[in-house]
Amino acid sequence: MAVSSPCIGICELDAQKQVCTGCFRHIDEIGAWRTASDGQKKRILKMARDRKKQLEKS
């Protein structure tokens, strides 16, 4: 089964951090999503979840 995009339709890029405020993916991760393997997508999702937790703490 393919890995679904974490995009929630709130596509706003934090210019300073280069991270989407909706899905918490880095701009490079968003750009690579379409051609990424399922394994790569899973790693991107994990990094986005970790990034979200870090940003919510600060």
Protein backbone atom coordinates (compact mmCIF):
# COMPACT_ATOMS: atom_id res chain seq x y z
CA MET A 1 0.00 0.00 0.00
CA ALA A 2 1.36 3.41 -0.96
CA VAL A 3 2.29 5.95 1.69
CA SER A 4 -0.20 8.84 1.72
CA SER A 5 0.88 12.45 1.66
CA PRO A 6 0.66 14.23 5.02
CA CYS A 7 -0.59 17.39 3.30
CA ILE A 8 -3.66 18.78 5.08
CA GLY A 9 -4.26 21.66 2.68
CA ILE A 10 -2.68 24.32 4.90
CA CYS A 11 0.25 25.07 2.62
CA GLU A 12 2.10 27.91 4.29
CA LEU A 13 5.85 27.91 4.35
CA ASP A 14 7.64 29.35 7.35
CA ALA A 15 10.24 31.35 5.44
CA GLN A 16 12.77 31.26 8.26
CA LYS A 17 12.59 27.53 8.97
CA GLN A 18 11.67 26.45 5.40
CA VAL A 19 8.97 24.19 6.90
CA CYS A 20 5.29 23.93 5.99
CA THR A 21 3.14 24.99 8.93
CA GLY A 22 0.48 22.45 7.91
CA CYS A 23 2.39 19.19 7.49
CA PHE A 24 5.76 20.13 9.02
CA ARG A 25 7.73 18.86 6.04
CA HIS A 26 10.82 20.77 4.97
CA ILE A 27 10.61 22.38 1.53
CA ASP A 28 13.08 19.81 0.16
CA GLU A 29 10.97 16.96 1.53
CA ILE A 30 7.85 18.37 -0.13
CA GLY A 31 9.67 18.63 -3.45
CA ALA A 32 11.02 15.08 -3.21
CA TRP A 33 7.71 13.48 -2.19
CA ARG A 34 6.45 12.47 -5.65
CA THR A 35 9.59 10.54 -6.56
CA ALA A 36 10.44 9.19 -3.10
CA SER A 37 10.19 5.48 -2.37
CA ASP A 38 7.79 4.30 0.32
CA GLY A 39 10.75 3.88 2.68
CA GLN A 40 11.88 7.44 2.05
CA LYS A 41 8.34 8.71 2.55
CA LYS A 42 8.12 6.93 5.90
CA ARG A 43 11.37 8.58 6.98
CA ILE A 44 10.06 11.97 5.86
CA LEU A 45 6.87 11.41 7.86
CA LYS A 46 8.88 10.50 10.96
CA MET A 47 11.07 13.59 10.61
CA ALA A 48 7.95 15.76 10.13
CA ARG A 49 6.35 14.32 13.30
CA ASP A 50 9.56 14.89 15.25
CA ARG A 51 9.84 18.42 13.85
CA LYS A 52 6.25 19.16 14.85
CA LYS A 53 6.91 18.01 18.43
CA GLN A 54 10.05 20.16 18.64
CA LEU A 55 8.31 23.24 17.28
CA GLU A 56 5.36 22.78 19.64
CA LYS A 57 7.75 22.67 22.62
CA SER A 58 9.36 25.99 21.71
